[in-house]
Amino acid sequence: MLNSIQHFIENGVPNLQKASKDFSEDPRDFAGFIYKVRNEALQMALDYIF
């Protein structure tokens, strides 16, 4: 579990920050923002399980 949390902090958080930055630059792409956040959340869950 600790490894999955560390992995999320190192990879997931920067990806979420990038998605947020991209959305703030182009708020018309709300679907893309949701897609990126969903993928990061799913990846975090999969890393936690496996």
C-alpha atoms as a PDB file:
ATOM      1  CA  MET A   1       0.000   0.000   0.000  1.00  0.00           C
ATOM      2  CA  LEU A   2       2.802   2.400   0.847  1.00  0.00           C
ATOM      3  CA  ASN A   3       4.329   1.901  -2.596  1.00  0.00           C
ATOM      4  CA  SER A   4       1.031   2.663  -4.310  1.00  0.00           C
ATOM      5  CA  ILE A   5       0.624   5.870  -2.309  1.00  0.00           C
ATOM      6  CA  GLN A   6       4.178   6.908  -3.077  1.00  0.00           C
ATOM      7  CA  HIS A   7       3.634   6.080  -6.758  1.00  0.00           C
ATOM      8  CA  PHE A   8       0.483   8.214  -6.806  1.00  0.00           C
ATOM      9  CA  ILE A   9       2.288  11.124  -5.158  1.00  0.00           C
ATOM     10  CA  GLU A  10       5.153  10.912  -7.650  1.00  0.00           C
ATOM     11  CA  ASN A  11       3.079  10.319 -10.786  1.00  0.00           C
ATOM     12  CA  GLY A  12      -0.614  10.859 -10.166  1.00  0.00           C
ATOM     13  CA  VAL A  13      -0.430  14.232  -8.451  1.00  0.00           C
ATOM     14  CA  PRO A  14       1.682  15.832 -11.200  1.00  0.00           C
ATOM     15  CA  ASN A  15      -0.691  14.412 -13.813  1.00  0.00           C
ATOM     16  CA  LEU A  16      -3.680  15.868 -11.959  1.00  0.00           C
ATOM     17  CA  GLN A  17      -1.905  19.214 -11.665  1.00  0.00           C
ATOM     18  CA  LYS A  18      -1.230  19.170 -15.405  1.00  0.00           C
ATOM     19  CA  ALA A  19      -4.866  18.323 -16.128  1.00  0.00           C
ATOM     20  CA  SER A  20      -5.953  21.199 -13.901  1.00  0.00           C
ATOM     21  CA  LYS A  21      -3.518  23.597 -15.589  1.00  0.00           C
ATOM     22  CA  ASP A  22      -4.643  22.484 -19.054  1.00  0.00           C
ATOM     23  CA  PHE A  23      -8.275  22.996 -18.049  1.00  0.00           C
ATOM     24  CA  SER A  24      -7.589  26.453 -16.640  1.00  0.00           C
ATOM     25  CA  GLU A  25      -5.951  27.410 -19.947  1.00  0.00           C
ATOM     26  CA  ASP A  26      -8.867  26.036 -21.997  1.00  0.00           C
ATOM     27  CA  PRO A  27     -12.016  25.642 -19.862  1.00  0.00           C
ATOM     28  CA  ARG A  28     -14.027  24.615 -22.917  1.00  0.00           C
ATOM     29  CA  ASP A  29     -12.459  21.150 -22.749  1.00  0.00           C
ATOM     30  CA  PHE A  30     -14.327  20.046 -19.636  1.00  0.00           C
ATOM     31  CA  ALA A  31     -14.812  16.527 -21.000  1.00  0.00           C
ATOM     32  CA  GLY A  32     -11.056  16.145 -21.467  1.00  0.00           C
ATOM     33  CA  PHE A  33     -10.474  17.323 -17.904  1.00  0.00           C
ATOM     34  CA  ILE A  34     -12.973  14.808 -16.533  1.00  0.00           C
ATOM     35  CA  TYR A  35     -11.424  12.051 -18.646  1.00  0.00           C
ATOM     36  CA  LYS A  36      -7.915  12.782 -17.307  1.00  0.00           C
ATOM     37  CA  VAL A  37      -9.062  12.952 -13.672  1.00  0.00           C
ATOM     38  CA  ARG A  38     -11.051   9.731 -14.050  1.00  0.00           C
ATOM     39  CA  ASN A  39      -8.082   7.924 -15.563  1.00  0.00           C
ATOM     40  CA  GLU A  40      -5.807   9.029 -12.722  1.00  0.00           C
ATOM     41  CA  ALA A  41      -8.341   7.911 -10.119  1.00  0.00           C
ATOM     42  CA  LEU A  42      -8.745   4.532 -11.821  1.00  0.00           C
ATOM     43  CA  GLN A  43      -4.989   4.116 -12.078  1.00  0.00           C
ATOM     44  CA  MET A  44      -4.598   4.925  -8.382  1.00  0.00           C
ATOM     45  CA  ALA A  45      -7.220   2.323  -7.502  1.00  0.00           C
ATOM     46  CA  LEU A  46      -5.532  -0.295  -9.679  1.00  0.00           C
ATOM     47  CA  ASP A  47      -2.131   0.472  -8.161  1.00  0.00           C
ATOM     48  CA  TYR A  48      -3.637   0.134  -4.709  1.00  0.00           C
ATOM     49  CA  ILE A  49      -5.235  -3.238  -5.503  1.00  0.00           C
ATOM     50  CA  PHE A  50      -2.280  -4.758  -7.332  1.00  0.00           C
END
